[in-house]
Amino acid sequence: METTYEQQRFERLQSCIEDYLMDQKVSPTQVYDDIIKCVDEWLAYHRNEMNKACHLKEMLMGHRMIELDEEPVEKSNEYSYAAHITMSDIAKFHRGNSQ
């Protein structure tokens, strides 16, 4: 007869509990502390994974933190593309006469 996943999981838990209870050096307090430790480690792992996923979502939503060790992009102050335009040309443009 094929066992279900739920049955297999129960048997693994049963085996773990039996292992603790059969060890004469292990107290009920130690069993309790170990179970709490397992749950705490599980929570810590998933908290870290959740934080990583939340950080990624923030970045995807446009909230990207600036890396301080990156070199800043220098903006060019060159206007060579417009060097031939004079104030007179701008005034003519505003009057509607760009000739």
C-alpha atoms as a PDB file:
ATOM      1  CA  MET A   1       0.000   0.000   0.000  1.00  0.00           C
ATOM      2  CA  GLU A   2       1.323   3.434  -0.961  1.00  0.00           C
ATOM      3  CA  THR A   3       1.746   5.950   1.838  1.00  0.00           C
ATOM      4  CA  THR A   4       0.778   9.584   1.409  1.00  0.00           C
ATOM      5  CA  TYR A   5       3.115  12.492   1.960  1.00  0.00           C
ATOM      6  CA  GLU A   6       1.210  13.360   5.142  1.00  0.00           C
ATOM      7  CA  GLN A   7       1.775   9.841   6.485  1.00  0.00           C
ATOM      8  CA  GLN A   8       5.481   9.978   5.607  1.00  0.00           C
ATOM      9  CA  ARG A   9       5.827  13.357   7.285  1.00  0.00           C
ATOM     10  CA  PHE A  10       4.106  12.045  10.420  1.00  0.00           C
ATOM     11  CA  GLU A  11       6.420   9.033  10.482  1.00  0.00           C
ATOM     12  CA  ARG A  12       9.496  11.286  10.242  1.00  0.00           C
ATOM     13  CA  LEU A  13       8.206  13.393  13.149  1.00  0.00           C
ATOM     14  CA  GLN A  14       7.420  10.274  15.119  1.00  0.00           C
ATOM     15  CA  SER A  15      10.937   8.962  14.486  1.00  0.00           C
ATOM     16  CA  CYS A  16      12.492  12.248  15.681  1.00  0.00           C
ATOM     17  CA  ILE A  17      10.419  12.284  18.856  1.00  0.00           C
ATOM     18  CA  GLU A  18      11.287   8.662  19.503  1.00  0.00           C
ATOM     19  CA  ASP A  19      14.977   9.445  19.022  1.00  0.00           C
ATOM     20  CA  TYR A  20      14.789  12.168  21.676  1.00  0.00           C
ATOM     21  CA  LEU A  21      12.709  10.123  24.131  1.00  0.00           C
ATOM     22  CA  MET A  22      14.866   7.020  23.827  1.00  0.00           C
ATOM     23  CA  ASP A  23      18.045   8.950  24.658  1.00  0.00           C
ATOM     24  CA  GLN A  24      18.469   8.727  28.430  1.00  0.00           C
ATOM     25  CA  LYS A  25      20.679  11.828  28.452  1.00  0.00           C
ATOM     26  CA  VAL A  26      18.021  14.087  26.940  1.00  0.00           C
ATOM     27  CA  SER A  27      15.485  15.817  29.173  1.00  0.00           C
ATOM     28  CA  PRO A  28      12.022  17.026  28.137  1.00  0.00           C
ATOM     29  CA  THR A  29      13.389  20.567  28.490  1.00  0.00           C
ATOM     30  CA  GLN A  30      16.089  19.760  25.918  1.00  0.00           C
ATOM     31  CA  VAL A  31      13.453  18.407  23.518  1.00  0.00           C
ATOM     32  CA  TYR A  32      11.418  21.583  23.977  1.00  0.00           C
ATOM     33  CA  ASP A  33      14.474  23.845  23.562  1.00  0.00           C
ATOM     34  CA  ASP A  34      15.533  22.032  20.387  1.00  0.00           C
ATOM     35  CA  ILE A  35      12.053  22.357  18.856  1.00  0.00           C
ATOM     36  CA  ILE A  36      11.989  26.083  19.702  1.00  0.00           C
ATOM     37  CA  LYS A  37      15.489  26.444  18.197  1.00  0.00           C
ATOM     38  CA  CYS A  38      14.344  24.748  14.972  1.00  0.00           C
ATOM     39  CA  VAL A  39      11.344  27.060  14.666  1.00  0.00           C
ATOM     40  CA  ASP A  40      13.492  30.122  15.435  1.00  0.00           C
ATOM     41  CA  GLU A  41      16.024  29.128  12.754  1.00  0.00           C
ATOM     42  CA  TRP A  42      13.201  28.577  10.278  1.00  0.00           C
ATOM     43  CA  LEU A  43      11.794  32.033  11.095  1.00  0.00           C
ATOM     44  CA  ALA A  44      15.206  33.696  10.752  1.00  0.00           C
ATOM     45  CA  TYR A  45      15.836  32.053   7.381  1.00  0.00           C
ATOM     46  CA  HIS A  46      12.457  33.059   5.989  1.00  0.00           C
ATOM     47  CA  ARG A  47      12.708  36.557   7.476  1.00  0.00           C
ATOM     48  CA  ASN A  48      15.991  37.039   5.580  1.00  0.00           C
ATOM     49  CA  GLU A  49      14.438  35.715   2.378  1.00  0.00           C
ATOM     50  CA  MET A  50      11.401  37.950   2.869  1.00  0.00           C
ATOM     51  CA  ASN A  51      13.636  40.986   3.441  1.00  0.00           C
ATOM     52  CA  LYS A  52      15.536  40.190   0.251  1.00  0.00           C
ATOM     53  CA  ALA A  53      12.291  39.873  -1.720  1.00  0.00           C
ATOM     54  CA  CYS A  54      10.959  43.137  -0.228  1.00  0.00           C
ATOM     55  CA  HIS A  55      14.173  44.943  -1.157  1.00  0.00           C
ATOM     56  CA  LEU A  56      13.902  43.668  -4.724  1.00  0.00           C
ATOM     57  CA  LYS A  57      10.286  44.821  -4.919  1.00  0.00           C
ATOM     58  CA  GLU A  58      11.254  48.288  -3.643  1.00  0.00           C
ATOM     59  CA  MET A  59      13.908  48.491  -6.351  1.00  0.00           C
ATOM     60  CA  LEU A  60      11.410  47.385  -8.999  1.00  0.00           C
ATOM     61  CA  MET A  61       9.026  50.100  -7.792  1.00  0.00           C
ATOM     62  CA  GLY A  62      11.725  52.741  -8.355  1.00  0.00           C
ATOM     63  CA  HIS A  63      13.176  53.010  -4.863  1.00  0.00           C
ATOM     64  CA  ARG A  64      16.741  52.062  -5.696  1.00  0.00           C
ATOM     65  CA  MET A  65      19.362  53.036  -3.150  1.00  0.00           C
ATOM     66  CA  ILE A  66      22.440  54.830  -4.453  1.00  0.00           C
ATOM     67  CA  GLU A  67      25.656  52.901  -3.995  1.00  0.00           C
ATOM     68  CA  LEU A  68      28.136  55.228  -2.313  1.00  0.00           C
ATOM     69  CA  ASP A  69      31.185  53.481  -3.727  1.00  0.00           C
ATOM     70  CA  GLU A  70      30.052  54.086  -7.318  1.00  0.00           C
ATOM     71  CA  GLU A  71      31.745  56.901  -9.197  1.00  0.00           C
ATOM     72  CA  PRO A  72      29.296  59.756  -9.757  1.00  0.00           C
ATOM     73  CA  VAL A  73      28.366  60.493 -13.346  1.00  0.00           C
ATOM     74  CA  GLU A  74      29.818  63.857 -14.275  1.00  0.00           C
ATOM     75  CA  LYS A  75      27.482  66.121 -16.167  1.00  0.00           C
ATOM     76  CA  SER A  76      29.020  67.896 -19.083  1.00  0.00           C
ATOM     77  CA  ASN A  77      28.782  71.683 -19.160  1.00  0.00           C
ATOM     78  CA  GLU A  78      29.632  71.796 -22.831  1.00  0.00           C
ATOM     79  CA  TYR A  79      27.237  73.518 -25.122  1.00  0.00           C
ATOM     80  CA  SER A  80      29.277  73.214 -28.281  1.00  0.00           C
ATOM     81  CA  TYR A  81      26.181  72.132 -30.194  1.00  0.00           C
ATOM     82  CA  ALA A  82      24.774  75.665 -29.639  1.00  0.00           C
ATOM     83  CA  ALA A  83      27.996  77.681 -29.719  1.00  0.00           C
ATOM     84  CA  HIS A  84      27.078  79.416 -32.984  1.00  0.00           C
ATOM     85  CA  ILE A  85      23.775  80.817 -31.585  1.00  0.00           C
ATOM     86  CA  THR A  86      24.065  84.418 -30.382  1.00  0.00           C
ATOM     87  CA  MET A  87      21.821  86.556 -28.183  1.00  0.00           C
ATOM     88  CA  SER A  88      20.840  88.409 -31.342  1.00  0.00           C
ATOM     89  CA  ASP A  89      19.647  85.136 -32.890  1.00  0.00           C
ATOM     90  CA  ILE A  90      17.574  84.401 -29.777  1.00  0.00           C
ATOM     91  CA  ALA A  91      16.010  87.876 -29.858  1.00  0.00           C
ATOM     92  CA  LYS A  92      15.128  87.463 -33.541  1.00  0.00           C
ATOM     93  CA  PHE A  93      13.566  84.072 -32.772  1.00  0.00           C
ATOM     94  CA  HIS A  94      11.398  85.584 -30.047  1.00  0.00           C
ATOM     95  CA  ARG A  95      10.188  88.283 -32.456  1.00  0.00           C
ATOM     96  CA  GLY A  96       9.310  85.640 -34.989  1.00  0.00           C
ATOM     97  CA  ASN A  97      12.112  86.548 -37.364  1.00  0.00           C
ATOM     98  CA  SER A  98      14.828  83.928 -37.282  1.00  0.00           C
ATOM     99  CA  GLN A  99      16.361  85.205 -40.579  1.00  0.00           C
END
